[in-house]
Amino acid sequence: MKRRELIKGLSILPLAGAVSGSTIQSALGAVPSAAQKGGKSIYEAIGVRPLINARGTVTVVGASQILPEVQQAMDDAVREYVQIDELMDAVGERLGKLTGAEFGYVSSGASAAITAGTAGCVTGGDPDKLWMIPNLTGMKDEVIIPAYSRSAYDAAAKAVGVRMVEVSTLEDLKLAIGPRTAMILVLAGSRSENGPLSLKEISSVAKPLGIPILVDAAAEGLEVPNPHLSQGADLVAYSGGKYLRGPQCAGILIGRKDLVIASRINAGPHHGFGRGFKVGREEIMGMLAAVEMWFKRDHAGEWKTWVSWANHIMKRLSTIPGVSTELVEPKARSNRAPSVNVKWDKSIIPLTGEDMEKLLWDGTPRIAVSGAGSFLPFPPNLQPNISVAMASLRAGDEKIIADRVFTILANPPKNEKVNAVAAFNLSGQWDLKMKFSASTVDQTLIIEQKDNSLTGTHFASIGSRDLDGTIHGSDVSIRSSYTKDGVRINFSFTGTTDGNMMQGKVSLSEYGDAEWTAKRHDYRAAGTLRSKA
């Protein structure tokens, strides 16, 4: 079959009918889950607890509800074999036609699209240069990024081996551009829409110089004409597992055909740097189905259903003294779905948001709200509120959530946190030993104590960061966070002390757990070693 014929065939996939109002509930997951039916799920069969995702389209808690049409396309795709490059060519043309871009590419997620896009801008499609990554000697090896765009997702570009050059003003941008500039990376949001370093302003400087711009629009839907391409972007990356409700481990990169192709060859099935970023035929067709369906879905009907779920939760909680609720309907493009903010009077209900998150997370069925299960924010939510997101719920989940939240807030458990007087003063320098999964690393804590409160500095491998914590009796809790240059590292230490030694467990947030011990620094011993030297 010729490419033109294949493309024509793709346009008449069994997706053609728009999702009518009568099928909205089905599209939003009306089929009851095992937990809703009281049965045992596929996850429970291997000892893993399933959850109700009221956190939102976040990868670590399952992201979004895959569309039935996407699942069908994936099931159909695995029944036959194809040559992947031919499939990518045909799907690329179809993605371009649907989105108004020149071309498209199905990646293994938005992050992978950014990595491939960066590599494409660096190598220009030259296989010799592809095989040199991450050694960029002789290549353009700098990526300019506005300060407002710095995030943990910088790592997707840095994986190629480039150096990130941060700019804060248009003048900074002009000075930063040089012969080593490979591209400019912009995070879509309010500041890329307006302001002195908006995408439009960046493009006015970059376009005449031929410097490509890649926009990270991971959590957005698709608009035609594309707002980012219209404002001067050359490439735009989207997640498949968020607003588009496609395969979770898929995404798309759309834009200039030459750059999309140069990007695509840096990923699997091609050998070299990006082999691990491959997608299978079922993910490619599933992602195409998600994009096809984006333009056929009844978005107004979905929104109405989400709001009805939110209203059910708010009505259920309305009779609890001291509790108030608010429907939030965001207007921005990213993560655009309604949610409910639940607030309470802490003098009546002595719980923090963190307490509530944990109670819902530890209950049955497990419910993820706010930051629960998803790399908790730093510091923990100590305010009396939680957020309940609608976008990833299944029909019926709202009733379970409303009942569980009502039960907890109407009859809150007693707060048994101990506020004992500190048994020791921990002020001073401590020699910290961190035992990770496959290594032991020496670090340092500098602590200042006032009553039960601890402040100071944690010196670790990547640099120093502030710490805060408490000591009640001999129980110690310390938190530190490093968030510079897009890095996101949060440590939460818990343990006990005898005044000269501390030890316990440390949560590394998304990176698991570790063990820690800390001894008071012996200045005399250090001085003796120096004198002997």
Protein backbone atom coordinates (compact mmCIF):
# COMPACT_ATOMS: atom_id res chain seq x y z
CA MET A 1 0.00 0.00 0.00
CA LYS A 2 1.37 3.40 -0.97
CA ARG A 3 1.79 6.04 1.72
CA ARG A 4 -1.05 8.20 0.30
CA GLU A 5 -3.41 5.23 0.40
CA LEU A 6 -2.36 4.34 3.93
CA ILE A 7 -2.95 7.90 5.10
CA LYS A 8 -6.38 7.86 3.49
CA GLY A 9 -7.11 4.62 5.33
CA LEU A 10 -6.07 6.10 8.65
CA SER A 11 -8.56 8.94 8.22
CA ILE A 12 -11.44 6.46 8.22
CA LEU A 13 -10.46 4.52 11.32
CA PRO A 14 -13.50 3.36 13.33
CA LEU A 15 -13.43 6.64 15.25
CA ALA A 16 -15.48 8.79 12.97
CA GLY A 17 -18.60 9.44 15.04
CA ALA A 18 -18.44 12.32 17.47
CA VAL A 19 -18.92 11.38 21.11
CA SER A 20 -22.55 12.24 21.80
CA GLY A 21 -23.97 13.34 25.12
CA SER A 22 -25.44 9.88 25.64
CA THR A 23 -21.99 8.31 25.53
CA ILE A 24 -20.19 10.81 27.76
CA GLN A 25 -20.49 8.59 30.82
CA SER A 26 -18.96 5.69 28.88
CA ALA A 27 -16.14 7.89 27.62
CA LEU A 28 -15.44 9.01 31.19
CA GLY A 29 -15.26 5.50 32.56
CA ALA A 30 -18.79 4.47 33.52
CA VAL A 31 -17.81 0.79 33.51
CA PRO A 32 -17.27 0.06 37.21
CA SER A 33 -13.78 -0.79 38.39
CA ALA A 34 -13.00 -3.88 40.45
CA ALA A 35 -12.82 -1.69 43.56
CA GLN A 36 -16.26 -0.20 42.85
CA LYS A 37 -17.71 -3.69 42.36
CA GLY A 38 -16.03 -4.98 45.51
CA GLY A 39 -13.95 -7.45 43.54
CA LYS A 40 -10.22 -8.11 43.41
CA SER A 41 -8.26 -6.14 40.84
CA ILE A 42 -5.38 -7.27 38.67
CA TYR A 43 -3.10 -5.18 40.90
CA GLU A 44 -4.35 -6.66 44.15
CA ALA A 45 -3.61 -10.11 42.74
CA ILE A 46 0.11 -9.27 42.99
CA GLY A 47 -0.12 -7.35 46.26
CA VAL A 48 -0.37 -3.78 44.92
CA ARG A 49 -3.15 -1.45 46.10
CA PRO A 50 -5.18 0.26 43.36
CA LEU A 51 -6.37 3.81 43.96
CA ILE A 52 -8.95 6.38 42.98
CA ASN A 53 -7.10 9.17 41.22
CA ALA A 54 -8.48 12.50 42.44
CA ARG A 55 -4.98 13.98 42.11
CA GLY A 56 -5.16 14.65 38.38
CA THR A 57 -3.29 13.60 35.25
CA VAL A 58 -0.06 12.86 37.12
CA THR A 59 2.07 9.99 35.85
CA VAL A 60 2.94 8.41 39.17
CA VAL A 61 -0.73 7.81 40.10
CA GLY A 62 -1.81 6.62 36.66
CA ALA A 63 -2.43 9.87 34.75
CA SER A 64 -5.72 9.89 32.79
CA GLN A 65 -8.55 7.56 31.80
CA ILE A 66 -7.64 6.11 28.41
CA LEU A 67 -10.38 6.57 25.81
CA PRO A 68 -12.26 3.42 24.71
CA GLU A 69 -11.43 4.25 21.09
CA VAL A 70 -7.73 4.46 21.97
CA GLN A 71 -7.83 1.07 23.65
CA GLN A 72 -9.60 -0.38 20.60
CA ALA A 73 -6.99 1.06 18.23
CA MET A 74 -4.19 -0.42 20.34
CA ASP A 75 -5.90 -3.81 20.45
CA ASP A 76 -6.35 -3.74 16.66
CA ALA A 77 -2.75 -2.62 16.05
CA VAL A 78 -1.14 -5.60 17.79
CA ARG A 79 -2.91 -8.08 15.50
CA GLU A 80 -0.69 -7.22 12.51
CA TYR A 81 2.92 -6.25 11.88
CA VAL A 82 4.19 -3.15 10.07
CA GLN A 83 7.51 -1.51 9.27
CA ILE A 84 7.78 1.14 11.99
CA ASP A 85 9.36 3.90 9.86
CA GLU A 86 6.67 3.53 7.21
CA LEU A 87 4.04 3.72 9.94
CA MET A 88 5.71 6.78 11.46
CA ASP A 89 5.74 8.49 8.04
CA ALA A 90 2.03 7.90 7.51
CA VAL A 91 1.06 8.85 11.06
CA GLY A 92 3.31 11.91 10.88
CA GLU A 93 1.44 13.15 7.82
CA ARG A 94 -1.90 12.47 9.49
CA LEU A 95 -0.88 14.27 12.71
CA GLY A 96 0.15 17.26 10.62
CA LYS A 97 -3.19 17.33 8.83
CA LEU A 98 -5.15 17.05 12.08
CA THR A 99 -3.18 19.64 14.06
CA GLY A 100 -2.40 22.12 11.32
CA ALA A 101 1.35 21.50 11.69
CA GLU A 102 3.68 20.44 8.89
CA PHE A 103 4.36 17.04 10.42
CA GLY A 104 4.19 15.02 13.61
CA TYR A 105 5.95 12.24 15.48
CA VAL A 106 4.66 9.84 18.16
CA SER A 107 7.15 9.73 21.02
CA SER A 108 7.28 7.74 24.24
CA GLY A 109 5.91 10.74 26.15
CA ALA A 110 6.26 14.52 26.24
CA SER A 111 9.60 14.30 28.02
CA ALA A 112 10.93 11.95 25.32
CA ALA A 113 9.64 14.37 22.68
CA ILE A 114 11.68 17.15 24.30
CA THR A 115 14.79 14.93 24.40
CA ALA A 116 14.36 13.89 20.77
CA GLY A 117 13.58 17.47 19.77
CA THR A 118 16.72 18.75 21.47
CA ALA A 119 18.81 16.05 19.81
CA GLY A 120 17.25 16.91 16.46
CA CYS A 121 18.17 20.57 16.85
CA VAL A 122 21.72 19.64 17.91
CA THR A 123 22.43 17.04 15.20
CA GLY A 124 20.26 18.33 12.38
CA GLY A 125 19.58 14.73 11.39
CA ASP A 126 23.27 13.84 10.89
CA PRO A 127 23.81 10.19 11.99
CA ASP A 128 27.51 10.85 12.72
CA LYS A 129 26.54 13.50 15.25
CA LEU A 130 23.74 11.30 16.62
CA TRP A 131 26.30 8.65 17.53
CA MET A 132 28.49 11.22 19.30
CA ILE A 133 25.79 12.19 21.83
CA PRO A 134 26.33 13.08 24.67
CA ASN A 135 29.81 14.21 23.51
CA LEU A 136 28.84 17.38 21.66
CA THR A 137 32.34 18.47 20.65
CA GLY A 138 32.09 20.61 17.55
CA MET A 139 28.29 20.84 17.73
CA LYS A 140 25.89 23.48 18.96
CA ASP A 141 25.67 22.55 22.62
CA GLU A 142 23.68 25.29 24.38
CA VAL A 143 19.94 25.54 25.00
CA ILE A 144 18.58 28.92 26.06
CA ILE A 145 15.70 28.82 28.53
CA PRO A 146 13.69 31.66 30.12
CA ALA A 147 13.92 31.69 33.92
CA TYR A 148 10.16 31.11 34.19
CA SER A 149 10.53 27.88 32.21
CA ARG A 150 13.01 26.19 34.55
CA SER A 151 11.54 22.98 35.96
CA ALA A 152 12.33 19.34 36.66
CA TYR A 153 11.62 18.70 32.98
CA ASP A 154 14.84 20.51 32.00
CA ALA A 155 16.39 17.06 32.44
CA ALA A 156 14.79 15.98 29.17
CA ALA A 157 16.94 18.47 27.26
CA LYS A 158 20.03 18.11 29.46
CA ALA A 159 20.08 14.36 28.74
CA VAL A 160 21.45 15.18 25.29
CA GLY A 161 24.52 16.77 26.90
CA VAL A 162 23.65 20.42 26.32
CA ARG A 163 24.30 23.28 28.73
CA MET A 164 21.23 25.24 29.83
CA VAL A 165 21.63 29.02 29.54
CA GLU A 166 19.06 30.84 31.66
CA VAL A 167 17.79 34.29 30.65
CA SER A 168 15.43 36.67 32.44
CA THR A 169 14.99 39.55 29.98
CA LEU A 170 14.86 40.10 26.23
CA GLU A 171 18.25 41.78 26.48
CA ASP A 172 19.64 38.70 28.26
CA LEU A 173 18.30 36.59 25.39
CA LYS A 174 20.01 38.72 22.74
CA LEU A 175 23.32 38.51 24.63
CA ALA A 176 23.01 34.74 25.22
CA ILE A 177 22.50 33.84 21.55
CA GLY A 178 25.68 32.75 19.86
CA PRO A 179 27.27 30.20 17.52
CA ARG A 180 26.75 27.45 20.12
CA THR A 181 22.99 28.02 20.51
CA ALA A 182 21.12 24.88 19.41
CA MET A 183 17.60 25.95 20.35
CA ILE A 184 15.39 27.78 22.85
CA LEU A 185 13.18 25.76 25.23
CA VAL A 186 9.97 27.38 26.51
CA LEU A 187 7.46 26.02 29.03
CA ALA A 188 3.92 26.89 27.92
CA GLY A 189 1.92 28.98 30.39
CA SER A 190 0.77 32.48 31.24
CA ARG A 191 4.28 33.93 30.97
CA SER A 192 4.88 32.39 27.56
CA GLU A 193 1.62 34.00 26.43
CA ASN A 194 2.31 37.49 27.77
CA GLY A 195 5.18 39.55 29.10
CA PRO A 196 8.67 40.67 28.07
CA LEU A 197 9.87 37.09 27.41
CA SER A 198 6.70 35.77 25.82
CA LEU A 199 6.98 33.27 23.00
CA LYS A 200 6.09 36.00 20.51
CA GLU A 201 8.90 38.24 21.78
CA ILE A 202 11.40 35.38 21.86
CA SER A 203 10.45 34.47 18.30
CA SER A 204 11.01 38.05 17.12
CA VAL A 205 14.66 37.65 18.12
CA ALA A 206 15.23 33.99 17.26
CA LYS A 207 13.43 33.65 13.91
CA PRO A 208 15.67 36.04 11.93
CA LEU A 209 18.69 34.11 13.24
CA GLY A 210 17.28 30.70 12.35
CA ILE A 211 17.28 29.44 15.94
CA PRO A 212 14.51 26.87 16.54
CA ILE A 213 12.10 27.17 19.47
CA LEU A 214 10.66 24.08 21.22
CA VAL A 215 7.60 24.54 23.46
CA ASP A 216 6.73 22.11 26.26
CA ALA A 217 2.91 21.99 26.24
CA ALA A 218 2.66 18.57 27.89
CA ALA A 219 -0.60 19.03 29.81
CA GLU A 220 -2.51 20.94 27.13
CA GLY A 221 -5.11 19.93 24.60
CA LEU A 222 -4.87 20.60 20.87
CA GLU A 223 -6.07 23.81 19.25
CA VAL A 224 -6.18 24.64 15.54
CA PRO A 225 -4.51 26.87 14.58
CA ASN A 226 -1.89 25.84 17.11
CA PRO A 227 -1.30 28.82 19.45
CA HIS A 228 2.40 28.06 19.95
CA LEU A 229 3.25 27.48 16.30
CA SER A 230 1.26 30.62 15.47
CA GLN A 231 3.41 32.64 17.87
CA GLY A 232 6.66 31.41 16.39
CA ALA A 233 7.47 27.99 17.85
CA ASP A 234 9.07 25.43 15.54
CA LEU A 235 8.29 22.35 17.65
CA VAL A 236 5.63 21.64 20.30
CA ALA A 237 5.59 18.62 22.64
CA TYR A 238 2.41 17.13 24.14
CA SER A 239 1.79 14.28 26.56
CA GLY A 240 -0.49 11.50 25.38
CA GLY A 241 -1.49 10.41 28.87
CA LYS A 242 -2.88 13.69 30.15
CA TYR A 243 -5.55 15.87 28.55
CA LEU A 244 -5.50 13.89 25.29
CA ARG A 245 -6.38 10.64 27.15
CA GLY A 246 -4.18 8.48 24.97
CA PRO A 247 -1.59 5.87 25.97
CA GLN A 248 0.16 7.04 29.13
CA CYS A 249 3.63 6.25 27.77
CA ALA A 250 3.17 8.14 24.51
CA GLY A 251 3.22 11.73 23.33
CA ILE A 252 3.58 13.77 20.18
CA LEU A 253 6.01 16.29 18.74
CA ILE A 254 4.53 18.50 16.02
CA GLY A 255 5.90 21.37 13.95
CA ARG A 256 8.43 21.91 11.17
CA LYS A 257 8.76 18.73 9.11
CA ASP A 258 12.54 18.90 8.74
CA LEU A 259 13.06 19.28 12.50
CA VAL A 260 10.46 16.64 13.40
CA ILE A 261 12.20 14.11 11.15
CA ALA A 262 15.62 15.11 12.50
CA SER A 263 14.21 14.58 15.99
CA ARG A 264 12.52 11.27 15.22
CA ILE A 265 15.67 9.56 13.98
CA ASN A 266 17.23 10.13 17.41
CA ALA A 267 14.67 7.77 18.98
CA GLY A 268 13.86 4.06 18.62
CA PRO A 269 13.70 1.86 16.69
CA HIS A 270 16.89 3.55 15.48
CA HIS A 271 20.13 2.62 17.20
CA GLY A 272 22.27 5.07 19.11
CA PHE A 273 21.54 7.53 21.88
CA GLY A 274 17.73 7.38 21.74
CA ARG A 275 17.12 3.65 21.24
CA GLY A 276 15.45 3.48 24.65
CA PHE A 277 12.84 6.07 23.61
CA LYS A 278 11.08 3.67 21.23
CA VAL A 279 7.32 3.26 20.86
CA GLY A 280 5.52 0.21 19.51
CA ARG A 281 2.95 0.01 16.76
CA GLU A 282 0.14 -0.22 19.32
CA GLU A 283 1.24 3.00 21.06
CA ILE A 284 1.65 4.79 17.73
CA MET A 285 -1.86 3.88 16.62
CA GLY A 286 -3.28 4.51 20.08
CA MET A 287 -1.77 7.99 20.12
CA LEU A 288 -3.11 8.72 16.64
CA ALA A 289 -6.55 7.57 17.80
CA ALA A 290 -6.34 9.95 20.78
CA VAL A 291 -5.56 12.88 18.48
CA GLU A 292 -8.34 11.85 16.08
CA MET A 293 -10.76 11.67 19.00
CA TRP A 294 -9.67 15.03 20.41
CA PHE A 295 -11.42 16.65 17.46
CA LYS A 296 -14.51 14.46 17.85
CA ARG A 297 -15.02 14.45 21.62
CA ASP A 298 -17.87 16.37 23.22
CA HIS A 299 -15.64 18.56 25.39
CA ALA A 300 -18.57 20.63 26.66
CA GLY A 301 -20.37 17.46 27.69
CA GLU A 302 -17.29 16.12 29.48
CA TRP A 303 -16.91 19.41 31.36
CA LYS A 304 -20.58 19.32 32.37
CA THR A 305 -20.13 15.80 33.72
CA TRP A 306 -17.02 16.78 35.68
CA VAL A 307 -18.86 19.76 37.19
CA SER A 308 -21.78 17.50 38.17
CA TRP A 309 -19.35 15.25 40.04
CA ALA A 310 -17.84 18.29 41.76
CA ASN A 311 -21.31 19.51 42.73
CA HIS A 312 -22.11 16.11 44.25
CA ILE A 313 -19.01 16.29 46.45
CA MET A 314 -19.73 19.88 47.51
CA LYS A 315 -23.36 19.11 48.34
CA ARG A 316 -22.36 16.06 50.40
CA LEU A 317 -19.95 18.13 52.51
CA SER A 318 -22.17 21.20 52.87
CA THR A 319 -23.75 20.13 56.17
CA ILE A 320 -20.49 19.70 58.11
CA PRO A 321 -19.87 22.59 60.55
CA GLY A 322 -16.71 24.52 59.72
CA VAL A 323 -16.35 23.10 56.20
CA SER A 324 -16.53 25.15 53.00
CA THR A 325 -16.05 24.14 49.38
CA GLU A 326 -15.24 25.95 46.15
CA LEU A 327 -15.58 24.86 42.55
CA VAL A 328 -12.47 25.78 40.57
CA GLU A 329 -12.83 26.00 36.78
CA PRO A 330 -9.46 27.00 35.32
CA LYS A 331 -9.30 28.92 32.07
CA ALA A 332 -5.63 28.29 31.21
CA ARG A 333 -4.71 25.75 28.53
CA SER A 334 -2.63 23.51 30.80
CA ASN A 335 -4.37 21.02 33.11
CA ARG A 336 -7.70 22.53 32.16
CA ALA A 337 -10.27 20.59 34.20
CA PRO A 338 -12.48 21.45 37.18
CA SER A 339 -11.60 20.62 40.76
CA VAL A 340 -13.02 21.16 44.25
CA ASN A 341 -11.16 22.96 47.01
CA VAL A 342 -12.26 21.69 50.41
CA LYS A 343 -11.43 23.91 53.40
CA TRP A 344 -12.20 23.56 57.10
CA ASP A 345 -11.91 25.47 60.36
CA LYS A 346 -8.92 23.99 62.13
CA SER A 347 -10.32 24.97 65.54
CA ILE A 348 -13.24 22.61 64.87
CA ILE A 349 -11.46 19.97 62.79
CA PRO A 350 -7.85 19.71 64.03
CA LEU A 351 -6.37 18.30 60.83
CA THR A 352 -3.87 19.67 58.32
CA GLY A 353 -4.08 19.07 54.60
CA GLU A 354 -1.22 16.60 54.98
CA ASP A 355 -3.17 14.71 57.66
CA MET A 356 -6.20 14.50 55.39
CA GLU A 357 -4.15 13.36 52.40
CA LYS A 358 -2.64 10.57 54.49
CA LEU A 359 -5.98 9.43 55.92
CA LEU A 360 -7.46 9.15 52.43
CA TRP A 361 -4.30 7.51 51.06
CA ASP A 362 -4.17 4.92 53.84
CA GLY A 363 -7.91 4.14 53.73
CA THR A 364 -9.86 1.62 51.69
CA PRO A 365 -10.25 2.20 48.85
CA ARG A 366 -7.11 4.32 48.59
CA ILE A 367 -7.80 7.85 47.36
CA ALA A 368 -5.16 10.26 46.06
CA VAL A 369 -5.98 13.97 46.50
CA SER A 370 -3.84 17.11 46.42
CA GLY A 371 -0.24 15.90 46.43
CA ALA A 372 -0.85 12.44 47.88
CA GLY A 373 1.21 9.72 46.26
CA SER A 374 2.74 12.21 43.88
CA PHE A 375 6.00 13.61 45.20
CA LEU A 376 4.55 15.71 47.99
CA PRO A 377 5.25 19.42 47.79
CA PHE A 378 7.83 20.98 50.08
CA PRO A 379 7.01 21.86 52.74
CA PRO A 380 4.03 19.52 53.40
CA ASN A 381 0.57 21.06 53.26
CA LEU A 382 -0.01 22.29 56.80
CA GLN A 383 -3.05 24.35 55.83
CA PRO A 384 -6.57 23.00 56.50
CA ASN A 385 -7.48 22.24 52.89
CA ILE A 386 -7.28 19.66 50.11
CA SER A 387 -7.91 19.75 46.36
CA VAL A 388 -10.00 17.10 44.60
CA ALA A 389 -9.47 16.90 40.83
CA MET A 390 -12.16 15.60 38.48
CA ALA A 391 -10.31 14.86 35.23
CA SER A 392 -9.07 11.35 36.03
CA LEU A 393 -12.12 10.04 37.89
CA ARG A 394 -14.38 7.24 36.73
CA ALA A 395 -18.15 7.63 36.97
CA GLY A 396 -19.09 6.69 40.54
CA ASP A 397 -15.74 7.67 42.07
CA GLU A 398 -17.20 11.01 43.11
CA LYS A 399 -19.66 9.24 45.43
CA ILE A 400 -16.92 7.23 47.12
CA ILE A 401 -14.78 10.35 47.56
CA ALA A 402 -17.67 12.40 48.94
CA ASP A 403 -18.59 9.71 51.47
CA ARG A 404 -15.00 9.18 52.64
CA VAL A 405 -14.22 12.89 53.03
CA PHE A 406 -17.55 13.41 54.80
CA THR A 407 -16.83 10.59 57.27
CA ILE A 408 -13.40 11.96 58.16
CA LEU A 409 -14.37 15.63 58.47
CA ALA A 410 -17.63 14.93 60.33
CA ASN A 411 -15.83 12.72 62.86
CA PRO A 412 -12.16 13.71 62.74
CA PRO A 413 -9.68 11.41 64.47
CA LYS A 414 -7.86 12.80 67.46
CA ASN A 415 -4.54 14.41 66.71
CA GLU A 416 -2.13 12.49 68.90
CA LYS A 417 1.03 14.23 67.80
CA VAL A 418 3.39 14.58 70.76
CA ASN A 419 4.64 18.08 71.55
CA ALA A 420 7.10 17.02 74.22
CA VAL A 421 9.94 19.30 75.35
CA ALA A 422 13.17 18.69 73.46
CA ALA A 423 15.34 16.21 75.37
CA PHE A 424 18.56 17.46 73.72
CA ASN A 425 20.04 20.50 72.02
CA LEU A 426 21.16 19.54 68.51
CA SER A 427 22.85 22.82 67.61
CA GLY A 428 26.16 22.35 65.84
CA GLN A 429 27.77 20.47 62.98
CA TRP A 430 26.88 16.84 62.30
CA ASP A 431 28.69 14.29 60.13
CA LEU A 432 25.87 12.73 58.12
CA LYS A 433 26.14 9.32 56.50
CA MET A 434 23.47 8.47 53.90
CA LYS A 435 22.98 4.81 53.00
CA PHE A 436 21.27 4.71 49.60
CA SER A 437 20.16 1.60 47.73
CA ALA A 438 23.63 0.82 46.33
CA SER A 439 26.01 3.37 47.90
CA THR A 440 26.93 5.14 51.13
CA VAL A 441 27.67 8.88 50.93
CA ASP A 442 29.10 11.32 53.47
CA GLN A 443 27.25 14.61 53.88
CA THR A 444 26.96 17.36 56.52
CA LEU A 445 24.23 18.98 58.62
CA ILE A 446 24.60 22.37 60.32
CA ILE A 447 21.79 22.80 62.86
CA GLU A 448 20.54 25.69 64.95
CA GLN A 449 17.92 24.86 67.58
CA LYS A 450 15.43 27.07 69.34
CA ASP A 451 13.10 25.24 71.70
CA ASN A 452 11.58 22.46 69.54
CA SER A 453 12.42 24.05 66.18
CA LEU A 454 15.42 23.23 64.01
CA THR A 455 16.85 25.32 61.17
CA GLY A 456 20.14 25.16 59.32
CA THR A 457 21.87 23.84 56.22
CA HIS A 458 22.18 20.43 54.61
CA PHE A 459 25.33 19.99 52.50
CA ALA A 460 24.90 17.15 49.99
CA SER A 461 26.47 16.03 46.71
CA ILE A 462 24.73 18.54 44.42
CA GLY A 463 25.10 21.50 46.78
CA SER A 464 23.74 23.09 49.94
CA ARG A 465 20.10 23.57 50.82
CA ASP A 466 18.17 24.98 53.79
CA LEU A 467 16.72 22.61 56.34
CA ASP A 468 14.01 22.89 58.95
CA GLY A 469 12.57 20.45 61.43
CA THR A 470 11.57 19.66 64.98
CA ILE A 471 12.65 17.66 68.01
CA HIS A 472 10.07 16.39 70.50
CA GLY A 473 11.63 14.43 73.33
CA SER A 474 14.22 12.35 71.48
CA ASP A 475 12.20 12.15 68.25
CA VAL A 476 13.72 14.11 65.37
CA SER A 477 12.18 15.25 62.10
CA ILE A 478 14.20 17.19 59.50
CA ARG A 479 13.31 18.29 55.98
CA SER A 480 15.56 19.72 53.25
CA SER A 481 14.86 20.69 49.67
CA TYR A 482 17.02 21.57 46.65
CA THR A 483 15.16 23.22 43.76
CA LYS A 484 17.74 25.22 41.82
CA ASP A 485 18.17 25.05 38.02
CA GLY A 486 15.13 22.85 37.56
CA VAL A 487 16.35 20.24 40.05
CA ARG A 488 13.73 18.85 42.45
CA ILE A 489 15.13 16.94 45.44
CA ASN A 490 13.17 16.65 48.70
CA PHE A 491 14.51 14.74 51.72
CA SER A 492 12.44 14.02 54.85
CA PHE A 493 14.45 12.62 57.77
CA THR A 494 12.80 10.91 60.74
CA GLY A 495 14.61 9.24 63.62
CA THR A 496 15.78 9.45 67.20
CA THR A 497 18.75 10.96 69.02
CA ASP A 498 20.72 10.50 72.23
CA GLY A 499 22.26 13.97 71.89
CA ASN A 500 25.45 12.81 70.18
CA MET A 501 24.06 10.47 67.54
CA MET A 502 20.99 10.63 65.30
CA GLN A 503 19.68 7.81 63.14
CA GLY A 504 16.59 6.68 61.30
CA LYS A 505 14.93 6.60 57.89
CA VAL A 506 14.79 9.25 55.20
CA SER A 507 12.19 9.58 52.47
CA LEU A 508 13.78 10.65 49.19
CA SER A 509 10.35 11.55 47.78
CA GLU A 510 10.08 10.11 44.25
CA TYR A 511 13.47 8.38 44.61
CA GLY A 512 12.47 5.98 47.37
CA ASP A 513 13.91 5.65 50.89
CA ALA A 514 17.30 5.52 52.57
CA GLU A 515 18.85 5.11 56.00
CA TRP A 516 20.78 7.82 57.80
CA THR A 517 23.06 8.27 60.77
CA ALA A 518 24.64 11.49 62.00
CA LYS A 519 27.36 12.02 64.62
CA ARG A 520 28.35 15.30 66.20
CA HIS A 521 31.42 16.58 64.43
CA ASP A 522 34.61 16.10 66.49
CA TYR A 523 36.59 19.28 65.90
CA ARG A 524 39.48 18.05 68.04
CA ALA A 525 39.84 14.88 65.98
CA ALA A 526 39.87 16.94 62.79
CA GLY A 527 42.50 19.24 64.25
CA THR A 528 44.66 16.27 65.29
CA LEU A 529 44.54 14.88 61.75
CA ARG A 530 45.59 18.23 60.30
CA SER A 531 48.51 18.56 62.73
CA LYS A 532 49.78 15.07 61.87
CA ALA A 533 49.57 15.88 58.17
